[in-house]
Amino acid sequence: MTTNERLSEAMLSDLADGTLSGPEWDAWLVAHPADAAEVAAARQARLFVQQLRDLSVDVPADLEARVLSRVHRATALRELFNLNLSGSARVLLELLTIFFSFVPTASDQRQA
């Protein structure tokens, strides 16, 4: 696998279940942190589903995919609200602070 190649769904599944493993794959994952995070999430989802099955819980066939979908949405939201990475977000916060400093509060209205 080349260093600029993206992770396919089949490769993600194989890495998550250990079918693909070894020093070459470990090095590839180190070089691709976004893909490594994806593999880690898939491993956790797979472990979660297996633990439910071990407890004799009737698990829907698509539960692993649904868990991964939820993880992706949560990650996207977390990235959206991560203000440390975006200077424009900091500017937006400052503008909102300035804007809301001009909005009268309930105590201001009582004094008037």
Protein backbone atom coordinates (compact mmCIF):
# COMPACT_ATOMS: atom_id res chain seq x y z
CA MET A 1 0.00 0.00 0.00
CA THR A 2 1.33 3.43 -0.89
CA THR A 3 1.50 6.26 1.62
CA ASN A 4 -1.07 8.40 -0.21
CA GLU A 5 -3.68 5.65 -0.57
CA ARG A 6 -6.92 6.08 1.39
CA LEU A 7 -8.51 3.38 3.50
CA SER A 8 -11.30 1.43 1.79
CA GLU A 9 -14.23 -0.03 3.71
CA ALA A 10 -12.85 -3.55 3.19
CA MET A 11 -9.42 -2.52 4.48
CA LEU A 12 -11.01 -0.77 7.45
CA SER A 13 -12.89 -3.94 8.31
CA ASP A 14 -9.77 -6.10 7.86
CA LEU A 15 -7.65 -3.78 10.02
CA ALA A 16 -10.36 -3.61 12.68
CA ASP A 17 -10.67 -7.39 12.99
CA GLY A 18 -6.92 -8.03 12.71
CA THR A 19 -6.94 -9.73 9.31
CA LEU A 20 -4.49 -7.06 8.16
CA SER A 21 -1.79 -6.61 10.77
CA GLY A 22 1.93 -6.44 11.22
CA PRO A 23 4.70 -3.85 11.22
CA GLU A 24 3.94 -2.61 7.69
CA TRP A 25 0.30 -1.88 8.58
CA ASP A 26 1.28 -0.36 11.93
CA ALA A 27 3.67 1.99 10.12
CA TRP A 28 0.98 2.84 7.58
CA LEU A 29 -1.48 3.71 10.35
CA VAL A 30 1.13 5.89 12.08
CA ALA A 31 1.59 7.76 8.79
CA HIS A 32 -2.21 8.17 8.42
CA PRO A 33 -3.60 9.39 11.77
CA ALA A 34 -7.11 10.03 10.41
CA ASP A 35 -7.31 6.47 9.14
CA ALA A 36 -5.84 5.19 12.41
CA ALA A 37 -8.63 6.98 14.30
CA GLU A 38 -11.15 5.37 11.95
CA VAL A 39 -9.68 1.91 12.62
CA ALA A 40 -9.70 2.55 16.38
CA ALA A 41 -13.37 3.58 16.23
CA ALA A 42 -14.21 0.47 14.19
CA ARG A 43 -12.38 -1.74 16.70
CA GLN A 44 -14.28 -0.16 19.59
CA ALA A 45 -17.61 -0.54 17.82
CA ARG A 46 -16.83 -4.17 17.03
CA LEU A 47 -15.80 -4.82 20.64
CA PHE A 48 -18.99 -3.17 21.92
CA VAL A 49 -21.18 -5.34 19.67
CA GLN A 50 -19.27 -8.47 20.66
CA GLN A 51 -19.66 -7.67 24.36
CA LEU A 52 -23.41 -7.32 23.88
CA ARG A 53 -23.51 -10.68 22.09
CA ASP A 54 -21.48 -12.24 24.91
CA LEU A 55 -24.19 -11.03 27.30
CA SER A 56 -26.80 -12.78 25.13
CA VAL A 57 -28.27 -9.49 23.98
CA ASP A 58 -30.16 -9.74 20.68
CA VAL A 59 -28.09 -7.38 18.52
CA PRO A 60 -29.41 -6.07 15.18
CA ALA A 61 -27.21 -6.98 12.22
CA ASP A 62 -26.50 -3.34 11.41
CA LEU A 63 -25.68 -2.20 14.95
CA GLU A 64 -21.94 -1.91 14.29
CA ALA A 65 -22.55 0.30 11.25
CA ARG A 66 -25.02 2.42 13.23
CA VAL A 67 -22.54 2.86 16.09
CA LEU A 68 -19.83 3.92 13.63
CA SER A 69 -22.24 6.36 12.00
CA ARG A 70 -22.97 7.91 15.39
CA VAL A 71 -19.24 8.15 16.12
CA HIS A 72 -18.68 9.94 12.81
CA ARG A 73 -21.44 12.44 13.54
CA ALA A 74 -20.07 13.08 17.04
CA THR A 75 -16.59 13.56 15.61
CA ALA A 76 -17.87 15.98 12.99
CA LEU A 77 -19.68 18.00 15.66
CA ARG A 78 -16.64 17.98 17.92
CA GLU A 79 -14.49 19.25 15.04
CA LEU A 80 -17.06 21.89 14.21
CA PHE A 81 -17.00 23.25 17.76
CA ASN A 82 -13.27 22.87 18.33
CA LEU A 83 -12.38 26.54 18.60
CA ASN A 84 -8.69 25.99 19.21
CA LEU A 85 -8.07 25.02 15.60
CA SER A 86 -9.83 27.91 13.94
CA GLY A 87 -8.82 31.54 14.16
CA SER A 88 -12.04 32.52 12.41
CA ALA A 89 -14.05 30.87 15.18
CA ARG A 90 -12.22 33.01 17.73
CA VAL A 91 -13.05 36.12 15.72
CA LEU A 92 -16.69 35.03 15.54
CA LEU A 93 -16.78 34.61 19.33
CA GLU A 94 -15.32 38.06 19.83
CA LEU A 95 -17.90 39.58 17.46
CA LEU A 96 -20.72 37.79 19.29
CA THR A 97 -19.37 39.01 22.62
CA ILE A 98 -19.31 42.57 21.34
CA PHE A 99 -22.79 42.22 19.87
CA PHE A 100 -24.30 40.77 23.03
CA SER A 101 -22.65 43.41 25.20
CA PHE A 102 -24.98 45.95 23.54
CA VAL A 103 -28.13 43.88 24.18
CA PRO A 104 -29.85 45.15 27.32
CA THR A 105 -30.18 42.69 30.19
CA ALA A 106 -33.16 42.38 32.52
CA SER A 107 -31.35 44.41 35.24
CA ASP A 108 -30.60 47.16 32.69
CA GLN A 109 -34.28 47.36 31.78
CA ARG A 110 -35.33 47.59 35.45
CA GLN A 111 -32.96 50.51 36.05
CA ALA A 112 -34.38 52.46 33.10
